[in-house]
Protein backbone atom coordinates (compact mmCIF):
# COMPACT_ATOMS: atom_id res chain seq x y z
CA MET A 1 -3.43 9.23 -20.01
CA ALA A 2 -4.58 7.70 -23.25
CA TYR A 3 -5.05 3.94 -23.12
CA ARG A 4 -3.20 3.45 -26.39
CA GLU A 5 -3.29 -0.35 -26.28
CA TYR A 6 -7.07 -0.29 -26.78
CA SER A 7 -8.08 3.06 -28.25
CA SER A 8 -6.78 6.18 -29.92
CA ALA A 9 -9.63 8.29 -28.50
CA TYR A 10 -7.42 10.52 -26.33
CA VAL A 11 -4.04 10.21 -28.01
CA GLU A 12 -4.17 13.66 -29.64
CA ASP A 13 -5.26 15.31 -26.37
CA GLU A 14 -2.47 13.56 -24.47
CA ASP A 15 0.14 14.49 -27.06
CA ASN A 16 -0.94 18.15 -26.93
CA ALA A 17 -0.87 18.19 -23.12
CA ARG A 18 2.57 16.58 -23.08
CA LYS A 19 3.97 19.13 -25.56
CA ALA A 20 2.55 22.02 -23.51
CA SER A 21 3.51 20.47 -20.13
CA ARG A 22 -0.10 20.63 -18.92
CA GLY A 23 -1.72 18.48 -16.25
CA VAL A 24 0.33 15.46 -15.18
CA TRP A 25 2.74 16.24 -17.98
CA GLY A 26 3.85 19.35 -16.09
CA SER A 27 5.56 17.24 -13.42
CA ALA A 28 7.31 13.92 -12.87
CA PHE A 29 4.99 10.97 -12.27
CA GLU A 30 4.79 7.23 -12.66
CA ALA A 31 2.44 5.88 -15.31
CA PRO A 32 -0.51 4.08 -13.66
CA LYS A 33 0.12 0.85 -15.57
CA ASP A 34 3.73 0.81 -14.33
CA TRP A 35 2.64 1.43 -10.74
CA ARG A 36 0.04 -1.37 -10.95
CA LYS A 37 2.57 -3.76 -12.46
CA GLN A 38 5.00 -3.18 -9.59
CA HIS A 39 2.45 -3.26 -6.80
CA ASN A 40 0.30 -6.12 -8.08
CA ALA A 41 3.42 -8.30 -8.25
CA ALA A 42 4.13 -7.47 -4.63
CA PHE A 43 0.78 -8.78 -3.44
CA SER A 44 0.54 -11.82 -5.71
CA GLY A 45 3.26 -13.79 -3.98
CA ASN A 46 6.02 -12.66 -6.34
CA ASP A 47 9.21 -12.27 -4.31
CA ALA A 48 10.25 -9.22 -6.30
CA GLY A 49 7.80 -6.97 -4.43
CA PRO A 50 7.23 -3.34 -5.31
CA SER A 51 10.26 -1.67 -6.72
CA ASN A 52 11.87 1.69 -6.49
CA THR A 53 11.19 3.32 -9.85
CA ARG A 54 14.77 4.59 -10.10
CA THR A 55 16.66 1.43 -9.17
CA GLY A 56 14.15 -1.34 -9.83
CA GLN A 57 14.82 -2.64 -6.30
CA ALA A 58 12.29 -2.88 -3.49
CA SER A 59 13.20 -0.56 -0.64
CA ILE A 60 13.90 -2.06 2.77
CA ALA A 61 10.75 -0.39 4.11
CA GLN A 62 8.69 -1.90 1.28
CA GLN A 63 10.17 -5.35 1.84
CA ASN A 64 9.53 -5.11 5.57
CA GLN A 65 5.92 -4.07 5.05
CA LEU A 66 5.31 -6.93 2.62
CA GLN A 67 6.83 -9.43 5.02
CA GLY A 68 4.76 -8.16 7.96
CA PHE A 69 7.81 -6.69 9.68
CA HIS A 70 7.19 -5.92 13.33
CA PRO A 71 9.02 -2.65 14.13
CA ASP A 72 10.57 -2.40 17.61
CA GLY A 73 8.20 -0.65 19.99
CA CYS A 74 5.24 -0.95 17.64
CA ASP A 75 3.28 -3.72 19.33
CA ILE A 76 -0.29 -2.83 18.42
CA LYS A 77 -1.78 -5.20 15.83
CA GLY A 78 -4.02 -3.72 13.15
CA ASN A 79 -6.29 -6.56 12.02
CA ILE A 80 -9.01 -6.57 9.36
CA SER A 81 -12.06 -8.64 10.28
CA ALA A 82 -13.87 -10.98 7.89
CA SER A 83 -16.45 -8.23 7.36
CA GLY A 84 -13.72 -5.70 6.51
CA GLU A 85 -13.75 -3.82 9.81
CA ARG A 86 -10.37 -2.40 10.85
CA ILE A 87 -9.70 -3.31 14.48
CA TYR A 88 -6.56 -2.85 16.54
CA HIS A 89 -5.44 -5.09 19.39
CA VAL A 90 -3.23 -4.01 22.28
CA PRO A 91 -0.72 -6.44 23.88
CA LYS A 92 -2.84 -7.15 26.96
CA GLY A 93 -6.06 -7.61 24.98
CA GLN A 94 -7.96 -10.91 25.01
CA TYR A 95 -7.41 -11.67 21.31
CA TYR A 96 -3.92 -10.23 20.94
CA ALA A 97 -2.02 -13.54 21.00
CA ALA A 98 -4.38 -15.17 18.50
CA THR A 99 -4.29 -12.23 16.08
CA LYS A 100 -1.89 -12.68 13.15
CA ILE A 101 -0.88 -9.81 10.88
CA ASP A 102 -1.11 -10.33 7.12
CA SER A 103 0.36 -7.17 5.60
CA ALA A 104 -0.48 -8.33 2.07
CA SER A 105 -4.16 -7.94 2.95
CA GLY A 106 -3.67 -4.48 4.47
CA GLU A 107 -3.11 -5.45 8.08
CA ARG A 108 -0.32 -3.68 9.92
CA TRP A 109 1.49 -2.78 13.13
CA PHE A 110 0.97 0.48 15.00
CA CYS A 111 3.27 2.22 17.47
CA SER A 112 0.46 3.82 19.48
CA GLU A 113 -3.29 3.72 19.88
CA THR A 114 -3.38 7.33 18.70
CA GLU A 115 -1.67 6.30 15.47
CA ALA A 116 -4.14 3.43 14.99
CA ARG A 117 -7.19 5.64 15.61
CA SER A 118 -5.80 8.37 13.33
CA ALA A 119 -5.48 5.77 10.57
CA GLY A 120 -9.17 4.88 10.97
CA TRP A 121 -8.93 1.71 13.08
CA ARG A 122 -11.08 1.08 16.16
CA PRO A 123 -10.04 -0.64 19.38
CA SER A 124 -10.94 -4.26 19.99
CA SER A 125 -13.90 -4.65 22.34
CA LYS A 126 -11.81 -7.00 24.57
């Protein structure tokens, strides 16, 4: 997409693609700046959170994720270490009780170790 606010370099190309329904213009999509506006607000402490593009309301799933919702039966904690390593902790693990989940920083809950490993997280060493 042309970055019209700063340059007209790609405006003609974009207009031609839109008229011919080529590339992204051949389907429905959300403009990147609109997506960033919605999602950046969600992680900056704004209570509005990400919104559904049709209704302007955050979905329940989105609200739960932002608030660190702990789904029933999903007791495995996906924690990101200070060095950025993705580590999961099982309920009987040594550091489980001390581990807090901050979903705004990408941490999350898992329902199984298989799910955690599939998502690229490694088990805690203890």
